Protein backbone atom coordinates (compact mmCIF):
# COMPACT_ATOMS: atom_id res chain seq x y z
CA UNK A 1 -24.15 5.47 13.55
CA UNK A 2 -27.26 5.39 11.52
CA UNK A 3 -28.21 2.54 9.14
CA UNK A 4 -27.30 4.55 6.11
CA UNK A 5 -23.93 5.41 7.63
CA UNK A 6 -23.32 1.82 8.59
CA UNK A 7 -24.25 0.59 5.05
CA UNK A 8 -21.77 3.02 3.48
CA UNK A 9 -19.08 2.01 5.88
CA UNK A 10 -19.60 -1.74 5.29
CA UNK A 11 -19.55 -1.28 1.55
CA UNK A 12 -16.27 0.81 1.80
CA UNK A 13 -14.64 -1.90 4.05
CA UNK A 14 -15.72 -4.65 1.62
CA UNK A 15 -14.14 -2.74 -1.31
CA UNK A 16 -10.86 -2.16 0.68
CA UNK A 17 -10.79 -5.90 1.55
CA UNK A 18 -11.10 -6.91 -2.09
CA UNK A 19 -8.45 -4.47 -3.26
CA UNK A 20 -6.17 -5.61 -0.48
CA UNK A 21 -6.56 -9.23 -1.34
CA UNK A 22 -5.89 -8.40 -5.04
CA UNK A 23 -2.56 -6.58 -4.20
CA UNK A 24 -0.40 -9.66 -4.95
CA UNK A 25 -2.03 -9.95 -8.36
CA UNK A 26 -1.31 -6.36 -9.13
CA UNK A 27 2.30 -6.87 -8.04
CA UNK A 28 2.62 -9.90 -10.25
CA UNK A 29 1.06 -8.11 -13.20
CA UNK A 30 3.43 -5.11 -12.70
CA UNK A 31 6.39 -7.51 -12.96
CA UNK A 32 4.95 -9.12 -16.11
CA UNK A 33 4.73 -5.86 -17.97
CA UNK A 34 8.08 -4.54 -16.67
CA UNK A 35 6.54 -1.66 -14.65
CA UNK A 36 8.94 0.55 -12.72
CA UNK A 37 8.20 3.53 -10.45
CA UNK A 38 8.32 6.80 -12.31
CA UNK A 39 10.61 8.32 -9.60
CA UNK A 40 12.98 5.30 -10.07
CA UNK A 41 12.95 5.97 -13.82
CA UNK A 42 13.73 9.66 -13.34
CA UNK A 43 16.63 8.94 -10.97
CA UNK A 44 18.08 6.51 -13.53
CA UNK A 45 17.66 8.93 -16.35
CA UNK A 46 19.42 11.71 -14.48
CA UNK A 47 22.16 9.48 -13.00
CA UNK A 48 20.97 10.12 -9.45
CA UNK A 49 21.08 6.37 -8.71
CA UNK A 50 24.83 6.34 -8.88
CA UNK A 51 25.03 8.71 -5.85
CA UNK A 52 22.09 7.01 -4.02
CA UNK A 53 22.75 5.75 -0.49
CA UNK A 54 20.14 3.94 1.50
CA UNK A 55 19.91 5.37 4.88
CA UNK A 56 16.67 3.77 6.09
CA UNK A 57 15.30 1.08 3.92
CA UNK A 58 11.93 1.17 5.73
CA UNK A 59 9.88 -1.46 7.43
CA UNK A 60 8.46 -2.73 4.15
CA UNK A 61 10.74 -1.86 1.31
CA UNK A 62 9.34 -2.20 -2.21
CA UNK A 63 5.92 -2.95 -0.94
CA UNK A 64 6.99 -6.32 0.60
CA UNK A 65 8.17 -7.95 3.81
CA UNK A 66 11.78 -9.02 3.95
CA UNK A 67 11.93 -12.85 4.50
CA UNK A 68 8.59 -13.60 2.93
CA UNK A 69 7.84 -14.60 -0.63
CA UNK A 70 6.82 -12.02 -3.19
CA UNK A 71 2.96 -12.65 -3.02
CA UNK A 72 2.76 -13.20 0.78
CA UNK A 73 4.96 -10.18 1.49
CA UNK A 74 2.85 -8.00 -0.86
CA UNK A 75 -0.36 -9.22 0.86
CA UNK A 76 1.01 -8.56 4.38
CA UNK A 77 2.29 -5.14 3.36
CA UNK A 78 -1.18 -4.31 1.83
CA UNK A 79 -2.93 -5.55 4.92
CA UNK A 80 -0.79 -3.41 7.26
CA UNK A 81 -0.85 -0.34 5.12
CA UNK A 82 -4.56 -0.42 4.59
CA UNK A 83 -5.24 -1.14 8.22
CA UNK A 84 -2.98 1.69 9.41
CA UNK A 85 -4.58 4.08 6.93
CA UNK A 86 -8.10 3.07 7.95
CA UNK A 87 -7.35 3.44 11.68
CA UNK A 88 -5.75 6.87 11.19
CA UNK A 89 -8.49 8.10 8.84
CA UNK A 90 -11.32 6.85 11.18
CA UNK A 91 -9.56 8.44 14.14
CA UNK A 92 -9.19 11.73 12.41
CA UNK A 93 -12.75 11.68 11.17
CA UNK A 94 -14.01 11.14 14.77
CA UNK A 95 -11.89 14.01 16.14
CA UNK A 96 -13.06 16.36 13.38
CA UNK A 97 -16.72 15.27 13.79
CA UNK A 98 -16.77 16.22 17.50
């Protein structure tokens, strides 16, 4: 990896780290303004939520970790999600570069 590539990579990692650390703040702010996911709003508007049945709630439902507080759960979910995405993207990039 050349110095220019390394500089770009480190800047990108720093930006990802800052955004990940700010995830709980964004979660708090969304709650303060009453934000709801557009797909949830559409489901409520069409009455689809009445027939909804949770089959698999997921590992981190609603961008949190069950059993942890709101801010710490959001932070952990952001760290895991960002880390997995970074690992997969880096791996795919290396495969495609070869």
